[in-house]
Amino acid sequence: MLRLEGLDLRQGTFGLRAEWDLQAGARLAVIGPSGGGKSTLLSALAGFLAPEAGRILWHGQDITALAPGKRPVTMLFQDQNLFPHLTIAQNVGLGLNPSLRLTAADHARTEGALERTGLAGLGGRRPAQLSGGQQGRAALARAILRDRPLLLLDEPFAALGPALKSEMLTLLEEITVRAGTTVLMVTHDPRDARRFAPLTSLVADGLAHPPQPTATLLDDPRPALAAYLGKG
């Protein structure tokens, strides 16, 4: 279980509070107006932003003060964070060892991750030689190899067209359900939330609201969400 206990986040004059639990293996969309604090919340969970107060717990363990690399967390950014001078196989292999000193077994796991994400045979290419969707698949393959139980996604598929984004969400769902991964996905698109996440947290007005069933929240939105969705 992920628990946010009296969490108080500050960046300059901006503040965000959160107090809720999320069961292990859940898929949660994080939605709300721009500047509301969605990325701030994920940054705190990943360890890039220290809270002013409160705790972050994973299965009862306090991870609030842990360095990002020590947390049970993988984060996927919108720009995919692929290194242009490395091959796709090397970029994916970073998920196993940042030094890229990989064993034969590691190379086999890398190839397996490429196959699972539809990139078999493309490991020798550079990121610039792949389409946007293929780059997204490569970033997801690397996340798979990190094998962390908590996956944070900060709009990694926002630049993709509707059909390709739907394909990536389907792949993400298949992989994370199979692995039992807990997923928090920031999105500006309520269709993505309905498509992927049974639960949604509204982040607005300085508060990351507790998770609610996605359909319930979007069908009868709070005023801040209604204004954001154009239903106010």
C-alpha atoms as a PDB file:
ATOM      1  CA  MET A   1       0.000   0.000   0.000  1.00  0.00           C
ATOM      2  CA  LEU A   2       1.092   3.560  -0.774  1.00  0.00           C
ATOM      3  CA  ARG A   3       0.218   5.961   2.028  1.00  0.00           C
ATOM      4  CA  LEU A   4       0.508   9.746   1.961  1.00  0.00           C
ATOM      5  CA  GLU A   5       0.352  10.803   5.579  1.00  0.00           C
ATOM      6  CA  GLY A   6      -0.143  14.520   6.216  1.00  0.00           C
ATOM      7  CA  LEU A   7       1.986  15.312   3.168  1.00  0.00           C
ATOM      8  CA  ASP A   8       2.761  19.016   2.725  1.00  0.00           C
ATOM      9  CA  LEU A   9       4.704  20.035  -0.400  1.00  0.00           C
ATOM     10  CA  ARG A  10       6.076  23.520  -1.051  1.00  0.00           C
ATOM     11  CA  GLN A  11       7.664  25.138  -4.087  1.00  0.00           C
ATOM     12  CA  GLY A  12       8.054  28.880  -3.590  1.00  0.00           C
ATOM     13  CA  THR A  13       4.609  30.262  -2.827  1.00  0.00           C
ATOM     14  CA  PHE A  14       2.883  27.117  -4.114  1.00  0.00           C
ATOM     15  CA  GLY A  15       1.650  24.491  -1.677  1.00  0.00           C
ATOM     16  CA  LEU A  16       0.043  21.083  -2.057  1.00  0.00           C
ATOM     17  CA  ARG A  17      -1.354  18.751   0.604  1.00  0.00           C
ATOM     18  CA  ALA A  18      -2.276  15.087   0.404  1.00  0.00           C
ATOM     19  CA  GLU A  19      -3.662  12.539   2.862  1.00  0.00           C
ATOM     20  CA  TRP A  20      -4.716   9.208   1.341  1.00  0.00           C
ATOM     21  CA  ASP A  21      -3.978   5.543   0.718  1.00  0.00           C
ATOM     22  CA  LEU A  22      -3.690   3.556  -2.499  1.00  0.00           C
ATOM     23  CA  GLN A  23      -3.770  -0.231  -2.577  1.00  0.00           C
ATOM     24  CA  ALA A  24      -0.858  -2.081  -4.156  1.00  0.00           C
ATOM     25  CA  GLY A  25      -1.514  -2.970  -7.790  1.00  0.00           C
ATOM     26  CA  ALA A  26      -3.966  -0.090  -8.300  1.00  0.00           C
ATOM     27  CA  ARG A  27      -3.984   2.096 -11.418  1.00  0.00           C
ATOM     28  CA  LEU A  28      -4.566   5.762 -10.571  1.00  0.00           C
ATOM     29  CA  ALA A  29      -4.968   8.719 -12.922  1.00  0.00           C
ATOM     30  CA  VAL A  30      -3.857  12.098 -11.591  1.00  0.00           C
ATOM     31  CA  ILE A  31      -5.835  14.874 -13.246  1.00  0.00           C
ATOM     32  CA  GLY A  32      -6.436  18.573 -12.755  1.00  0.00           C
ATOM     33  CA  PRO A  33      -5.723  22.049 -14.105  1.00  0.00           C
ATOM     34  CA  SER A  34      -2.277  23.067 -15.305  1.00  0.00           C
ATOM     35  CA  GLY A  35      -0.148  24.302 -12.428  1.00  0.00           C
ATOM     36  CA  GLY A  36      -2.322  22.475  -9.917  1.00  0.00           C
ATOM     37  CA  GLY A  37       0.502  20.309  -8.608  1.00  0.00           C
ATOM     38  CA  LYS A  38       0.263  17.011 -10.483  1.00  0.00           C
ATOM     39  CA  SER A  39       3.950  16.883 -11.401  1.00  0.00           C
ATOM     40  CA  THR A  40       4.843  18.211  -7.948  1.00  0.00           C
ATOM     41  CA  LEU A  41       3.106  15.221  -6.380  1.00  0.00           C
ATOM     42  CA  LEU A  42       4.969  12.751  -8.578  1.00  0.00           C
ATOM     43  CA  SER A  43       8.278  14.512  -7.924  1.00  0.00           C
ATOM     44  CA  ALA A  44       7.778  14.064  -4.190  1.00  0.00           C
ATOM     45  CA  LEU A  45       6.902  10.382  -4.581  1.00  0.00           C
ATOM     46  CA  ALA A  46       9.994   9.854  -6.730  1.00  0.00           C
ATOM     47  CA  GLY A  47      12.243  11.619  -4.230  1.00  0.00           C
ATOM     48  CA  PHE A  48      13.065  14.720  -6.265  1.00  0.00           C
ATOM     49  CA  LEU A  49      11.207  17.054  -3.895  1.00  0.00           C
ATOM     50  CA  ALA A  50      11.463  16.866  -0.109  1.00  0.00           C
ATOM     51  CA  PRO A  51       8.166  17.547   1.692  1.00  0.00           C
ATOM     52  CA  GLU A  52       7.857  20.294   4.263  1.00  0.00           C
ATOM     53  CA  ALA A  53       5.925  17.928   6.489  1.00  0.00           C
ATOM     54  CA  GLY A  54       4.308  14.512   6.462  1.00  0.00           C
ATOM     55  CA  ARG A  55       5.423  11.074   5.327  1.00  0.00           C
ATOM     56  CA  ILE A  56       5.360   8.799   2.302  1.00  0.00           C
ATOM     57  CA  LEU A  57       5.028   5.128   3.189  1.00  0.00           C
ATOM     58  CA  TRP A  58       5.218   2.036   1.014  1.00  0.00           C
ATOM     59  CA  HIS A  59       3.901  -1.138   2.661  1.00  0.00           C
ATOM     60  CA  GLY A  60       4.427   0.531   6.022  1.00  0.00           C
ATOM     61  CA  GLN A  61       8.038   1.548   5.356  1.00  0.00           C
ATOM     62  CA  ASP A  62       8.773   5.265   5.607  1.00  0.00           C
ATOM     63  CA  ILE A  63      10.517   6.195   2.329  1.00  0.00           C
ATOM     64  CA  THR A  64      10.230   9.978   2.779  1.00  0.00           C
ATOM     65  CA  ALA A  65      13.960  10.529   3.251  1.00  0.00           C
ATOM     66  CA  LEU A  66      15.208   7.882   0.814  1.00  0.00           C
ATOM     67  CA  ALA A  67      17.215   9.001  -2.223  1.00  0.00           C
ATOM     68  CA  PRO A  68      15.418   8.520  -5.574  1.00  0.00           C
ATOM     69  CA  GLY A  69      17.537   5.513  -6.517  1.00  0.00           C
ATOM     70  CA  LYS A  70      16.761   3.775  -3.244  1.00  0.00           C
ATOM     71  CA  ARG A  71      12.994   4.015  -3.605  1.00  0.00           C
ATOM     72  CA  PRO A  72      10.748   1.270  -4.997  1.00  0.00           C
ATOM     73  CA  VAL A  73       9.870   3.697  -7.786  1.00  0.00           C
ATOM     74  CA  THR A  74      10.368   4.112 -11.527  1.00  0.00           C
ATOM     75  CA  MET A  75       9.363   7.371 -13.189  1.00  0.00           C
ATOM     76  CA  LEU A  76       8.576   7.814 -16.867  1.00  0.00           C
ATOM     77  CA  PHE A  77       8.740  11.379 -18.181  1.00  0.00           C
ATOM     78  CA  GLN A  78       7.075  12.968 -21.192  1.00  0.00           C
ATOM     79  CA  ASP A  79      10.389  13.334 -23.066  1.00  0.00           C
ATOM     80  CA  GLN A  80      11.196   9.612 -22.489  1.00  0.00           C
ATOM     81  CA  ASN A  81      14.774  10.443 -21.287  1.00  0.00           C
ATOM     82  CA  LEU A  82      16.444   8.377 -23.996  1.00  0.00           C
ATOM     83  CA  PHE A  83      20.127   9.141 -24.580  1.00  0.00           C
ATOM     84  CA  PRO A  84      20.646   9.968 -28.278  1.00  0.00           C
ATOM     85  CA  HIS A  85      24.227   8.618 -28.430  1.00  0.00           C
ATOM     86  CA  LEU A  86      23.247   5.180 -27.110  1.00  0.00           C
ATOM     87  CA  THR A  87      21.484   2.407 -28.981  1.00  0.00           C
ATOM     88  CA  ILE A  88      17.982   1.418 -27.990  1.00  0.00           C
ATOM     89  CA  ALA A  89      19.323  -1.762 -26.391  1.00  0.00           C
ATOM     90  CA  GLN A  90      21.791   0.301 -24.357  1.00  0.00           C
ATOM     91  CA  ASN A  91      19.092   2.781 -23.330  1.00  0.00           C
ATOM     92  CA  VAL A  92      16.920  -0.097 -22.175  1.00  0.00           C
ATOM     93  CA  GLY A  93      19.863  -1.822 -20.482  1.00  0.00           C
ATOM     94  CA  LEU A  94      20.304   1.232 -18.253  1.00  0.00           C
ATOM     95  CA  GLY A  95      17.313  -0.091 -16.364  1.00  0.00           C
ATOM     96  CA  LEU A  96      19.499  -2.969 -15.171  1.00  0.00           C
ATOM     97  CA  ASN A  97      22.817  -1.209 -14.633  1.00  0.00           C
ATOM     98  CA  PRO A  98      23.576   2.512 -15.100  1.00  0.00           C
ATOM     99  CA  SER A  99      27.186   1.609 -15.973  1.00  0.00           C
ATOM    100  CA  LEU A 100      25.964  -0.714 -18.760  1.00  0.00           C
ATOM    101  CA  ARG A 101      28.258  -3.465 -17.510  1.00  0.00           C
ATOM    102  CA  LEU A 102      25.778  -6.165 -18.421  1.00  0.00           C
ATOM    103  CA  THR A 103      26.127  -9.902 -18.147  1.00  0.00           C
ATOM    104  CA  ALA A 104      24.915 -12.350 -20.764  1.00  0.00           C
ATOM    105  CA  ALA A 105      21.806 -12.846 -18.635  1.00  0.00           C
ATOM    106  CA  ASP A 106      21.284  -9.070 -18.540  1.00  0.00           C
ATOM    107  CA  HIS A 107      21.497  -8.868 -22.333  1.00  0.00           C
ATOM    108  CA  ALA A 108      18.941 -11.658 -22.575  1.00  0.00           C
ATOM    109  CA  ARG A 109      16.597  -9.777 -20.243  1.00  0.00           C
ATOM    110  CA  THR A 110      17.065  -6.639 -22.317  1.00  0.00           C
ATOM    111  CA  GLU A 111      16.144  -8.495 -25.489  1.00  0.00           C
ATOM    112  CA  GLY A 112      13.139  -9.956 -23.704  1.00  0.00           C
ATOM    113  CA  ALA A 113      11.940  -6.481 -22.689  1.00  0.00           C
ATOM    114  CA  LEU A 114      12.343  -5.266 -26.270  1.00  0.00           C
ATOM    115  CA  GLU A 115      10.283  -8.192 -27.515  1.00  0.00           C
ATOM    116  CA  ARG A 116       7.542  -7.580 -24.940  1.00  0.00           C
ATOM    117  CA  THR A 117       7.228  -3.972 -26.079  1.00  0.00           C
ATOM    118  CA  GLY A 118       7.237  -4.747 -29.803  1.00  0.00           C
ATOM    119  CA  LEU A 119      10.822  -3.612 -30.471  1.00  0.00           C
ATOM    120  CA  ALA A 120      12.420  -6.948 -31.344  1.00  0.00           C
ATOM    121  CA  GLY A 121      15.210  -6.425 -33.866  1.00  0.00           C
ATOM    122  CA  LEU A 122      15.458  -2.662 -33.228  1.00  0.00           C
ATOM    123  CA  GLY A 123      17.933  -2.748 -30.350  1.00  0.00           C
ATOM    124  CA  GLY A 124      20.845  -1.617 -32.522  1.00  0.00           C
ATOM    125  CA  ARG A 125      19.158   1.612 -33.635  1.00  0.00           C
ATOM    126  CA  ARG A 126      19.543   5.064 -32.085  1.00  0.00           C
ATOM    127  CA  PRO A 127      16.488   6.907 -30.679  1.00  0.00           C
ATOM    128  CA  ALA A 128      16.423   9.318 -33.634  1.00  0.00           C
ATOM    129  CA  GLN A 129      15.880   6.353 -35.942  1.00  0.00           C
ATOM    130  CA  LEU A 130      12.650   5.395 -34.174  1.00  0.00           C
ATOM    131  CA  SER A 131       9.170   6.875 -34.327  1.00  0.00           C
ATOM    132  CA  GLY A 132       7.681   8.650 -31.322  1.00  0.00           C
ATOM    133  CA  GLY A 133       5.652   5.587 -30.457  1.00  0.00           C
ATOM    134  CA  GLN A 134       8.705   3.344 -30.672  1.00  0.00           C
ATOM    135  CA  GLN A 135      10.644   5.701 -28.414  1.00  0.00           C
ATOM    136  CA  GLY A 136       7.795   5.473 -25.900  1.00  0.00           C
ATOM    137  CA  ARG A 137       7.998   1.704 -26.075  1.00  0.00           C
ATOM    138  CA  ALA A 138      11.752   1.839 -25.446  1.00  0.00           C
ATOM    139  CA  ALA A 139      11.255   3.995 -22.354  1.00  0.00           C
ATOM    140  CA  LEU A 140       8.599   1.565 -21.141  1.00  0.00           C
ATOM    141  CA  ALA A 141      10.935  -1.388 -21.780  1.00  0.00           C
ATOM    142  CA  ARG A 142      13.561   0.253 -19.575  1.00  0.00           C
ATOM    143  CA  ALA A 143      10.975   0.808 -16.858  1.00  0.00           C
ATOM    144  CA  ILE A 144      10.039  -2.877 -17.039  1.00  0.00           C
ATOM    145  CA  LEU A 145      13.649  -3.916 -16.487  1.00  0.00           C
ATOM    146  CA  ARG A 146      13.930  -1.713 -13.394  1.00  0.00           C
ATOM    147  CA  ASP A 147      11.272  -3.984 -11.935  1.00  0.00           C
ATOM    148  CA  ARG A 148      10.106  -1.525  -9.278  1.00  0.00           C
ATOM    149  CA  PRO A 149       6.635  -2.020  -7.782  1.00  0.00           C
ATOM    150  CA  LEU A 150       5.611   1.630  -8.123  1.00  0.00           C
ATOM    151  CA  LEU A 151       5.488   3.268 -11.565  1.00  0.00           C
ATOM    152  CA  LEU A 152       4.964   7.015 -11.980  1.00  0.00           C
ATOM    153  CA  LEU A 153       4.107   8.428 -15.407  1.00  0.00           C
ATOM    154  CA  ASP A 154       4.181  12.162 -16.093  1.00  0.00           C
ATOM    155  CA  GLU A 155       2.249  12.348 -19.377  1.00  0.00           C
ATOM    156  CA  PRO A 156       4.696  10.101 -21.258  1.00  0.00           C
ATOM    157  CA  PHE A 157       2.328   9.639 -24.215  1.00  0.00           C
ATOM    158  CA  ALA A 158       0.975  13.190 -24.464  1.00  0.00           C
ATOM    159  CA  ALA A 159       2.701  13.891 -27.785  1.00  0.00           C
ATOM    160  CA  LEU A 160       1.239  10.809 -29.482  1.00  0.00           C
ATOM    161  CA  GLY A 161      -1.851  10.725 -31.664  1.00  0.00           C
ATOM    162  CA  PRO A 162      -5.068   9.161 -30.318  1.00  0.00           C
ATOM    163  CA  ALA A 163      -4.618   5.736 -31.940  1.00  0.00           C
ATOM    164  CA  LEU A 164      -0.976   5.361 -30.923  1.00  0.00           C
ATOM    165  CA  LYS A 165      -1.676   6.640 -27.415  1.00  0.00           C
ATOM    166  CA  SER A 166      -4.473   4.094 -27.025  1.00  0.00           C
ATOM    167  CA  GLU A 167      -2.084   1.369 -28.177  1.00  0.00           C
ATOM    168  CA  MET A 168       0.515   2.443 -25.602  1.00  0.00           C
ATOM    169  CA  LEU A 169      -2.066   2.544 -22.807  1.00  0.00           C
ATOM    170  CA  THR A 170      -3.171  -0.978 -23.726  1.00  0.00           C
ATOM    171  CA  LEU A 171       0.431  -2.191 -23.634  1.00  0.00           C
ATOM    172  CA  LEU A 172       1.049  -0.407 -20.335  1.00  0.00           C
ATOM    173  CA  GLU A 173      -2.043  -1.983 -18.810  1.00  0.00           C
ATOM    174  CA  GLU A 174      -1.094  -5.477 -19.969  1.00  0.00           C
ATOM    175  CA  ILE A 175       2.444  -5.220 -18.580  1.00  0.00           C
ATOM    176  CA  THR A 176       1.607  -3.601 -15.246  1.00  0.00           C
ATOM    177  CA  VAL A 177      -1.377  -5.848 -14.505  1.00  0.00           C
ATOM    178  CA  ARG A 178       0.771  -8.911 -15.190  1.00  0.00           C
ATOM    179  CA  ALA A 179       3.494  -7.606 -12.857  1.00  0.00           C
ATOM    180  CA  GLY A 180       1.114  -6.309 -10.169  1.00  0.00           C
ATOM    181  CA  THR A 181       2.625  -2.824 -10.492  1.00  0.00           C
ATOM    182  CA  THR A 182       1.040   0.163  -8.780  1.00  0.00           C
ATOM    183  CA  VAL A 183       0.686   2.957 -11.350  1.00  0.00           C
ATOM    184  CA  LEU A 184       0.103   6.704 -10.965  1.00  0.00           C
ATOM    185  CA  MET A 185      -0.358   8.424 -14.320  1.00  0.00           C
ATOM    186  CA  VAL A 186      -0.614  12.177 -14.781  1.00  0.00           C
ATOM    187  CA  THR A 187      -2.880  13.068 -17.683  1.00  0.00           C
ATOM    188  CA  HIS A 188      -4.742  16.100 -19.018  1.00  0.00           C
ATOM    189  CA  ASP A 189      -7.101  13.906 -21.008  1.00  0.00           C
ATOM    190  CA  PRO A 190     -10.137  12.485 -19.169  1.00  0.00           C
ATOM    191  CA  ARG A 191     -10.445   9.866 -21.928  1.00  0.00           C
ATOM    192  CA  ASP A 192      -7.068   8.466 -20.901  1.00  0.00           C
ATOM    193  CA  ALA A 193      -8.207   8.321 -17.295  1.00  0.00           C
ATOM    194  CA  ARG A 194     -11.361   6.425 -18.253  1.00  0.00           C
ATOM    195  CA  ARG A 195      -9.405   4.147 -20.561  1.00  0.00           C
ATOM    196  CA  PHE A 196      -6.608   3.185 -18.181  1.00  0.00           C
ATOM    197  CA  ALA A 197      -7.341   3.996 -14.546  1.00  0.00           C
ATOM    198  CA  PRO A 198     -10.195   2.654 -12.400  1.00  0.00           C
ATOM    199  CA  LEU A 199      -9.292   5.341  -9.840  1.00  0.00           C
ATOM    200  CA  THR A 200      -8.537   9.050 -10.217  1.00  0.00           C
ATOM    201  CA  SER A 201      -7.133  11.716  -7.912  1.00  0.00           C
ATOM    202  CA  LEU A 202      -8.113  15.311  -8.622  1.00  0.00           C
ATOM    203  CA  VAL A 203      -5.250  17.727  -7.921  1.00  0.00           C
ATOM    204  CA  ALA A 204      -6.553  21.271  -7.606  1.00  0.00           C
ATOM    205  CA  ASP A 205      -6.762  24.201  -5.211  1.00  0.00           C
ATOM    206  CA  GLY A 206      -3.725  23.085  -3.215  1.00  0.00           C
ATOM    207  CA  LEU A 207      -5.012  19.580  -2.527  1.00  0.00           C
ATOM    208  CA  ALA A 208      -4.409  16.153  -4.019  1.00  0.00           C
ATOM    209  CA  HIS A 209      -7.833  14.680  -3.322  1.00  0.00           C
ATOM    210  CA  PRO A 210      -8.168  11.043  -2.223  1.00  0.00           C
ATOM    211  CA  PRO A 211      -8.651   8.550  -5.064  1.00  0.00           C
ATOM    212  CA  GLN A 212     -12.206   8.065  -6.297  1.00  0.00           C
ATOM    213  CA  PRO A 213     -13.711   5.783  -8.944  1.00  0.00           C
ATOM    214  CA  THR A 214     -12.845   7.443 -12.236  1.00  0.00           C
ATOM    215  CA  ALA A 215     -16.316   7.242 -13.758  1.00  0.00           C
ATOM    216  CA  THR A 216     -17.920   8.687 -10.629  1.00  0.00           C
ATOM    217  CA  LEU A 217     -15.491  11.603 -10.493  1.00  0.00           C
ATOM    218  CA  LEU A 218     -15.723  12.471 -14.184  1.00  0.00           C
ATOM    219  CA  ASP A 219     -19.489  12.013 -14.488  1.00  0.00           C
ATOM    220  CA  ASP A 220     -20.154  14.280 -11.497  1.00  0.00           C
ATOM    221  CA  PRO A 221     -17.031  16.454 -11.236  1.00  0.00           C
ATOM    222  CA  ARG A 222     -16.171  18.809  -8.411  1.00  0.00           C
ATOM    223  CA  PRO A 223     -16.325  22.526  -9.375  1.00  0.00           C
ATOM    224  CA  ALA A 224     -12.560  22.779 -10.006  1.00  0.00           C
ATOM    225  CA  LEU A 225     -12.620  19.735 -12.258  1.00  0.00           C
ATOM    226  CA  ALA A 226     -15.825  20.817 -13.980  1.00  0.00           C
ATOM    227  CA  ALA A 227     -14.222  24.167 -14.834  1.00  0.00           C
ATOM    228  CA  TYR A 228     -11.122  22.396 -16.133  1.00  0.00           C
ATOM    229  CA  LEU A 229     -13.236  20.025 -18.254  1.00  0.00           C
ATOM    230  CA  GLY A 230     -15.371  22.876 -19.552  1.00  0.00           C
ATOM    231  CA  LYS A 231     -18.486  21.670 -17.775  1.00  0.00           C
ATOM    232  CA  GLY A 232     -18.764  24.506 -15.313  1.00  0.00           C
END
